[in-house]
C-alpha atoms as a PDB file:
ATOM      1  CA  MET A   1      11.988 -14.917  10.190  1.00  0.00           C
ATOM      2  CA  ASN A   2       9.237 -15.825   7.738  1.00  0.00           C
ATOM      3  CA  ASN A   3       8.595 -13.494   4.818  1.00  0.00           C
ATOM      4  CA  ALA A   4       4.962 -13.544   3.760  1.00  0.00           C
ATOM      5  CA  ILE A   5       2.497 -11.473   1.786  1.00  0.00           C
ATOM      6  CA  GLN A   6      -1.284 -11.716   1.741  1.00  0.00           C
ATOM      7  CA  ILE A   7      -3.259  -9.827  -0.883  1.00  0.00           C
ATOM      8  CA  GLU A   8      -7.024  -9.418  -0.948  1.00  0.00           C
ATOM      9  CA  ALA A   9      -8.815  -7.398  -3.584  1.00  0.00           C
ATOM     10  CA  SER A  10     -12.445  -6.366  -3.790  1.00  0.00           C
ATOM     11  CA  GLY A  11     -13.419  -3.932  -6.519  1.00  0.00           C
ATOM     12  CA  ASN A  12     -11.014  -1.005  -6.342  1.00  0.00           C
ATOM     13  CA  VAL A  13      -9.812  -1.800  -2.787  1.00  0.00           C
ATOM     14  CA  VAL A  14      -6.615  -3.799  -2.293  1.00  0.00           C
ATOM     15  CA  GLU A  15      -5.466  -4.954   1.137  1.00  0.00           C
ATOM     16  CA  ILE A  16      -1.860  -6.071   1.442  1.00  0.00           C
ATOM     17  CA  GLN A  17      -0.337  -7.545   4.591  1.00  0.00           C
ATOM     18  CA  VAL A  18       3.414  -8.094   4.760  1.00  0.00           C
ATOM     19  CA  THR A  19       5.362  -9.951   7.432  1.00  0.00           C
ATOM     20  CA  GLY A  20       9.151 -10.102   7.588  1.00  0.00           C
ATOM     21  CA  LYS A  21      10.937  -8.571   4.605  1.00  0.00           C
ATOM     22  CA  LEU A  22       9.340  -7.551   1.321  1.00  0.00           C
ATOM     23  CA  THR A  23      11.020  -9.579  -1.443  1.00  0.00           C
ATOM     24  CA  ALA A  24      11.219  -9.316  -5.223  1.00  0.00           C
ATOM     25  CA  GLU A  25       9.112 -12.491  -5.433  1.00  0.00           C
ATOM     26  CA  MET A  26       6.335 -10.743  -3.516  1.00  0.00           C
ATOM     27  CA  TYR A  27       6.355  -7.965  -6.110  1.00  0.00           C
ATOM     28  CA  ASP A  28       6.125 -10.648  -8.822  1.00  0.00           C
ATOM     29  CA  GLU A  29       2.803 -11.598  -7.202  1.00  0.00           C
ATOM     30  CA  LEU A  30       1.589  -8.056  -6.436  1.00  0.00           C
ATOM     31  CA  VAL A  31       2.408  -6.094  -9.603  1.00  0.00           C
ATOM     32  CA  PRO A  32       0.383  -8.141 -12.158  1.00  0.00           C
ATOM     33  CA  LEU A  33      -2.628  -8.060  -9.818  1.00  0.00           C
ATOM     34  CA  VAL A  34      -2.426  -4.280  -9.372  1.00  0.00           C
ATOM     35  CA  ASP A  35      -1.930  -3.780 -13.126  1.00  0.00           C
ATOM     36  CA  ARG A  36      -5.063  -5.857 -13.830  1.00  0.00           C
ATOM     37  CA  LEU A  37      -7.130  -4.097 -11.152  1.00  0.00           C
ATOM     38  CA  VAL A  38      -6.156  -0.642 -12.459  1.00  0.00           C
ATOM     39  CA  LYS A  39      -7.336  -1.696 -15.940  1.00  0.00           C
ATOM     40  CA  GLU A  40     -10.614  -3.074 -14.516  1.00  0.00           C
ATOM     41  CA  SER A  41     -11.441  -0.498 -11.817  1.00  0.00           C
ATOM     42  CA  GLY A  42      -9.403   2.637 -12.461  1.00  0.00           C
ATOM     43  CA  LYS A  43      -7.842   4.266  -9.416  1.00  0.00           C
ATOM     44  CA  LEU A  44      -7.246   1.926  -6.500  1.00  0.00           C
ATOM     45  CA  ARG A  45      -7.473   2.367  -2.765  1.00  0.00           C
ATOM     46  CA  MET A  46      -4.779   0.459  -0.878  1.00  0.00           C
ATOM     47  CA  LEU A  47      -4.385  -0.688   2.684  1.00  0.00           C
ATOM     48  CA  PHE A  48      -0.775  -1.724   3.389  1.00  0.00           C
ATOM     49  CA  THR A  49      -0.350  -3.487   6.735  1.00  0.00           C
ATOM     50  CA  MET A  50       3.081  -4.278   8.147  1.00  0.00           C
ATOM     51  CA  HIS A  51       3.327  -6.908  10.881  1.00  0.00           C
ATOM     52  CA  ASP A  52       6.754  -7.755  12.316  1.00  0.00           C
ATOM     53  CA  PHE A  53       8.073  -5.930   9.221  1.00  0.00           C
ATOM     54  CA  HIS A  54      11.799  -5.615   8.612  1.00  0.00           C
ATOM     55  CA  GLY A  55      12.020  -3.661   5.348  1.00  0.00           C
ATOM     56  CA  TRP A  56      12.937  -4.715   1.842  1.00  0.00           C
ATOM     57  CA  THR A  57      15.496  -6.966   0.244  1.00  0.00           C
ATOM     58  CA  ALA A  58      17.736  -5.126  -2.252  1.00  0.00           C
ATOM     59  CA  GLY A  59      15.808  -6.485  -5.254  1.00  0.00           C
ATOM     60  CA  ALA A  60      12.466  -5.596  -3.700  1.00  0.00           C
ATOM     61  CA  LEU A  61      13.577  -2.015  -3.005  1.00  0.00           C
ATOM     62  CA  TRP A  62      14.222  -1.543  -6.739  1.00  0.00           C
ATOM     63  CA  ASP A  63      10.836  -3.151  -7.516  1.00  0.00           C
ATOM     64  CA  ASP A  64       9.197  -0.769  -5.032  1.00  0.00           C
ATOM     65  CA  ILE A  65      10.705   2.264  -6.766  1.00  0.00           C
ATOM     66  CA  LYS A  66       9.556   0.974 -10.184  1.00  0.00           C
ATOM     67  CA  PHE A  67       6.081   0.234  -8.770  1.00  0.00           C
ATOM     68  CA  GLY A  68       5.807   3.783  -7.428  1.00  0.00           C
ATOM     69  CA  LEU A  69       6.779   5.289 -10.779  1.00  0.00           C
ATOM     70  CA  ASP A  70       4.497   2.992 -12.790  1.00  0.00           C
ATOM     71  CA  HIS A  71       1.499   3.623 -10.515  1.00  0.00           C
ATOM     72  CA  PHE A  72       2.146   7.263  -9.549  1.00  0.00           C
ATOM     73  CA  ARG A  73      -1.440   8.277 -10.454  1.00  0.00           C
ATOM     74  CA  ASP A  74      -3.236   4.920 -10.099  1.00  0.00           C
ATOM     75  CA  ILE A  75      -3.806   4.994  -6.344  1.00  0.00           C
ATOM     76  CA  SER A  76      -6.250   7.473  -4.797  1.00  0.00           C
ATOM     77  CA  ARG A  77      -5.803   6.477  -1.133  1.00  0.00           C
ATOM     78  CA  LEU A  78      -3.032   4.646   0.658  1.00  0.00           C
ATOM     79  CA  ALA A  79      -3.410   3.668   4.311  1.00  0.00           C
ATOM     80  CA  ILE A  80      -0.182   2.453   5.890  1.00  0.00           C
ATOM     81  CA  VAL A  81      -0.673   0.423   9.061  1.00  0.00           C
ATOM     82  CA  GLY A  82       2.393  -0.268  11.157  1.00  0.00           C
ATOM     83  CA  GLU A  83       3.913  -0.924  14.534  1.00  0.00           C
ATOM     84  CA  THR A  84       7.049   1.231  14.756  1.00  0.00           C
ATOM     85  CA  LYS A  85       8.205   4.812  14.452  1.00  0.00           C
ATOM     86  CA  TRP A  86      10.179   4.189  11.242  1.00  0.00           C
ATOM     87  CA  GLN A  87       7.087   2.658   9.636  1.00  0.00           C
ATOM     88  CA  LYS A  88       5.207   5.855  10.461  1.00  0.00           C
ATOM     89  CA  GLY A  89       7.985   7.732   8.664  1.00  0.00           C
ATOM     90  CA  MET A  90       7.275   5.668   5.546  1.00  0.00           C
ATOM     91  CA  ALA A  91       3.949   7.489   5.150  1.00  0.00           C
ATOM     92  CA  VAL A  92       5.796  10.806   4.945  1.00  0.00           C
ATOM     93  CA  PHE A  93       8.455   9.323   2.664  1.00  0.00           C
ATOM     94  CA  CYS A  94       5.828   7.943   0.229  1.00  0.00           C
ATOM     95  CA  LYS A  95       3.980  11.212  -0.369  1.00  0.00           C
ATOM     96  CA  PRO A  96       6.242  12.666  -3.097  1.00  0.00           C
ATOM     97  CA  PHE A  97       6.036   9.392  -5.047  1.00  0.00           C
ATOM     98  CA  THR A  98       2.261   9.263  -5.436  1.00  0.00           C
ATOM     99  CA  THR A  99      -0.744  11.483  -6.027  1.00  0.00           C
ATOM    100  CA  ALA A 100      -2.644   9.373  -3.463  1.00  0.00           C
ATOM    101  CA  LYS A 101      -3.825  10.678  -0.123  1.00  0.00           C
ATOM    102  CA  VAL A 102      -1.498   8.873   2.291  1.00  0.00           C
ATOM    103  CA  LYS A 103      -2.304   8.325   5.957  1.00  0.00           C
ATOM    104  CA  TYR A 104      -0.554   6.318   8.682  1.00  0.00           C
ATOM    105  CA  PHE A 105      -2.413   4.264  11.275  1.00  0.00           C
ATOM    106  CA  GLU A 106      -1.113   2.317  14.274  1.00  0.00           C
ATOM    107  CA  SER A 107      -1.726  -1.432  14.091  1.00  0.00           C
ATOM    108  CA  THR A 108      -4.353  -1.073  16.826  1.00  0.00           C
ATOM    109  CA  ASP A 109      -6.339   1.178  14.452  1.00  0.00           C
ATOM    110  CA  LEU A 110      -6.648  -1.328  11.577  1.00  0.00           C
ATOM    111  CA  GLU A 111     -10.443  -0.975  11.386  1.00  0.00           C
ATOM    112  CA  ALA A 112     -10.163   2.848  11.244  1.00  0.00           C
ATOM    113  CA  ALA A 113      -7.642   2.475   8.407  1.00  0.00           C
ATOM    114  CA  ARG A 114      -9.983   0.115   6.580  1.00  0.00           C
ATOM    115  CA  ALA A 115     -12.885   2.585   6.982  1.00  0.00           C
ATOM    116  CA  TRP A 116     -10.743   5.526   5.783  1.00  0.00           C
ATOM    117  CA  VAL A 117      -9.610   3.644   2.663  1.00  0.00           C
ATOM    118  CA  ARG A 118     -13.202   2.739   1.789  1.00  0.00           C
ATOM    119  CA  GLU A 119     -14.910   6.038   2.611  1.00  0.00           C
ATOM    120  CA  PRO A 120     -16.494   7.740  -0.408  1.00  0.00           C
ATOM    121  CA  ALA A 121     -14.552  10.564  -1.994  1.00  0.00           C
ATOM    122  CA  LYS A 122     -15.855  13.970  -1.050  1.00  0.00           C
ATOM    123  CA  GLU A 123     -16.564  16.422  -3.828  1.00  0.00           C
ATOM    124  CA  SER A 124     -14.322  19.447  -3.519  1.00  0.00           C
ATOM    125  CA  ALA A 125     -16.340  22.586  -2.778  1.00  0.00           C
ATOM    126  CA  LYS A 126     -15.047  25.221  -5.162  1.00  0.00           C
END
């Protein structure tokens, strides 16, 4: 199994695609980029796509927890795109660890996920 991460950033939108297992080395690549983008653009919108995804290594799980705590308020929208039932459960699991709006999409709905992440924020009518 090949572990791979692809990261593309444009303005305040970050697209991350992970294949295989998420490793600590992948976080070494991701975290400095996210830190820089938060400083440059403020709140980020993230699209996290899992393809043939098999979870985290032990070191990466710790990095994921730290990332969530460090960026609790830095993400306004998080679209999780996956292929399995347990990946759908990740969207529910993530919600207490972020102030972001979190939404799950099936892998066949990647374009809908991309559109949702990029759609302008609506002003709350109060």
